[in-house]
Amino acid sequence: MLKNKWTYIVFVLLLSGIVFYGLFWNKPHRKIENFETTQVNAVSIARLFEEDEQTANKKYLNKPLTVEGEVKDISYNDDGKQVILLQGETTLLGVQCTLIDSNEHVHVGDKVTISGFCSGYTLVVVLSQCKFLNQL
């Protein structure tokens, strides 16, 4: 009798794990193209996060944004993804955008528009899953 009870418990746990994997772990990635975005300026959003991170998180965290600003730096992360840093109000502030697809036509000093999801604030505002929209 006790052996049947444990077999049943193991079966239920295994089935629950499979359902969890199917519903939560294996869901498709969000695509910025499928969302209506909030327009912001790189200088103003970086300033807001610097002055009051808690308020800025309530307003922007995990939200789709379209950010306009001047390119301060271009680099690549460990995954080979292009990372564009938009200039903030000072040299320490800015918006870091990790692009889904690289854009080789953008250069430091260009004014650009980029859409992505706000992932929070470290030393800069971080946008992930970004798409390059245009150069101004």
Protein backbone atom coordinates (compact mmCIF):
# COMPACT_ATOMS: atom_id res chain seq x y z
CA MET A 1 0.00 0.00 0.00
CA LEU A 2 2.80 2.43 0.93
CA LYS A 3 4.68 1.60 -2.28
CA ASN A 4 1.64 2.54 -4.40
CA LYS A 5 1.34 5.85 -2.56
CA TRP A 6 4.98 6.77 -3.33
CA THR A 7 4.58 5.72 -6.96
CA TYR A 8 1.55 8.00 -7.23
CA ILE A 9 3.41 10.94 -5.61
CA VAL A 10 6.41 10.52 -7.95
CA PHE A 11 4.08 10.33 -10.95
CA VAL A 12 2.25 13.54 -9.95
CA LEU A 13 5.54 15.40 -9.37
CA LEU A 14 6.91 14.25 -12.72
CA LEU A 15 3.73 15.28 -14.52
CA SER A 16 3.78 18.68 -12.76
CA GLY A 17 7.38 19.22 -13.86
CA ILE A 18 6.54 18.46 -17.47
CA VAL A 19 3.58 20.87 -17.40
CA PHE A 20 5.73 23.60 -15.79
CA TYR A 21 8.42 23.17 -18.45
CA GLY A 22 5.90 23.31 -21.27
CA LEU A 23 4.07 26.39 -20.00
CA PHE A 24 6.76 28.57 -18.46
CA TRP A 25 10.26 27.58 -19.44
CA ASN A 26 9.63 26.94 -23.11
CA LYS A 27 7.52 30.00 -23.94
CA PRO A 28 8.45 32.15 -26.95
CA HIS A 29 10.56 35.30 -26.55
CA ARG A 30 8.93 38.71 -26.60
CA LYS A 31 9.47 40.65 -29.81
CA ILE A 32 9.62 44.43 -29.62
CA GLU A 33 7.79 44.65 -32.95
CA ASN A 34 4.65 43.25 -31.29
CA PHE A 35 4.39 46.03 -28.69
CA GLU A 36 3.36 49.66 -28.66
CA THR A 37 6.31 51.54 -27.18
CA THR A 38 6.68 54.65 -25.02
CA GLN A 39 8.85 57.36 -26.61
CA VAL A 40 11.67 58.67 -24.40
CA ASN A 41 14.88 60.62 -24.78
CA ALA A 42 18.14 58.98 -23.62
CA VAL A 43 19.19 62.02 -21.58
CA SER A 44 15.86 62.34 -19.74
CA ILE A 45 15.41 58.63 -18.91
CA ALA A 46 19.02 58.33 -17.69
CA ARG A 47 18.52 61.42 -15.51
CA LEU A 48 15.28 60.03 -14.05
CA PHE A 49 16.92 56.71 -13.12
CA GLU A 50 19.88 58.56 -11.57
CA GLU A 51 17.67 60.90 -9.51
CA ASP A 52 14.92 58.46 -8.42
CA GLU A 53 15.47 54.84 -9.42
CA GLN A 54 12.40 53.58 -7.57
CA THR A 55 10.02 55.91 -9.42
CA ALA A 56 11.74 55.22 -12.74
CA ASN A 57 11.43 51.44 -12.18
CA LYS A 58 7.69 51.80 -11.56
CA LYS A 59 7.34 53.78 -14.76
CA TYR A 60 9.70 51.94 -17.15
CA LEU A 61 10.93 48.55 -15.81
CA ASN A 62 10.06 45.67 -18.20
CA LYS A 63 8.19 48.11 -20.46
CA PRO A 64 8.76 48.47 -24.22
CA LEU A 65 10.49 51.78 -24.97
CA THR A 66 11.66 53.70 -28.02
CA VAL A 67 14.74 55.74 -27.09
CA GLU A 68 16.25 58.56 -29.11
CA GLY A 69 19.80 59.71 -28.46
CA GLU A 70 23.37 60.19 -29.58
CA VAL A 71 25.67 57.17 -29.90
CA LYS A 72 28.48 57.41 -27.34
CA ASP A 73 30.04 53.95 -27.79
CA ILE A 74 29.63 50.77 -29.84
CA SER A 75 30.83 47.37 -28.58
CA TYR A 76 29.99 43.67 -28.61
CA ASN A 77 29.06 41.52 -25.62
CA ASP A 78 30.26 37.96 -24.87
CA ASP A 79 27.42 36.54 -27.00
CA GLY A 80 28.58 38.55 -30.01
CA LYS A 81 25.59 40.92 -29.83
CA GLN A 82 26.14 44.56 -30.71
CA VAL A 83 25.75 46.94 -27.76
CA ILE A 84 25.13 50.63 -28.40
CA LEU A 85 25.54 53.13 -25.57
CA LEU A 86 23.48 56.31 -25.93
CA GLN A 87 24.84 59.47 -24.28
CA GLY A 88 23.23 60.69 -21.07
CA GLU A 89 23.45 64.10 -19.45
CA THR A 90 26.99 63.44 -18.15
CA THR A 91 29.76 61.06 -19.17
CA LEU A 92 28.66 58.58 -16.47
CA LEU A 93 24.99 58.43 -17.52
CA GLY A 94 23.47 56.79 -20.57
CA VAL A 95 21.30 54.06 -22.06
CA GLN A 96 22.85 50.71 -23.02
CA CYS A 97 20.98 48.95 -25.85
CA THR A 98 21.77 45.32 -26.76
CA LEU A 99 20.63 44.75 -30.34
CA ILE A 100 19.05 41.56 -31.64
CA ASP A 101 20.59 42.20 -35.08
CA SER A 102 23.79 44.20 -35.54
CA ASN A 103 23.81 47.41 -37.59
CA GLU A 104 27.18 48.12 -39.16
CA HIS A 105 26.07 51.52 -40.52
CA VAL A 106 25.87 53.26 -37.14
CA HIS A 107 28.84 55.26 -35.85
CA VAL A 108 29.79 57.13 -32.68
CA GLY A 109 28.18 60.58 -32.76
CA ASP A 110 25.14 59.50 -34.84
CA LYS A 111 21.69 60.38 -33.56
CA VAL A 112 19.60 57.20 -33.55
CA THR A 113 16.26 55.72 -32.50
CA ILE A 114 16.23 52.26 -30.88
CA SER A 115 13.35 50.21 -29.41
CA GLY A 116 13.75 47.64 -26.62
CA PHE A 117 12.60 46.44 -23.22
CA CYS A 118 13.84 48.28 -20.13
CA SER A 119 15.73 45.78 -17.96
CA GLY A 120 16.62 48.22 -15.19
CA TYR A 121 19.52 50.36 -14.09
CA THR A 122 23.09 49.54 -13.14
CA LEU A 123 25.47 52.39 -13.92
CA VAL A 124 23.38 53.05 -17.05
CA VAL A 125 19.79 52.31 -18.08
CA VAL A 126 19.75 48.85 -19.68
CA LEU A 127 17.55 47.97 -22.68
CA SER A 128 17.44 44.40 -23.97
CA GLN A 129 16.09 42.70 -27.10
CA CYS A 130 16.55 45.96 -28.98
CA LYS A 131 15.84 46.78 -32.59
CA PHE A 132 17.59 49.59 -34.43
CA LEU A 133 14.92 51.82 -36.01
CA ASN A 134 16.77 54.63 -37.77
CA GLN A 135 19.48 57.26 -37.85
CA LEU A 136 18.30 60.85 -37.49
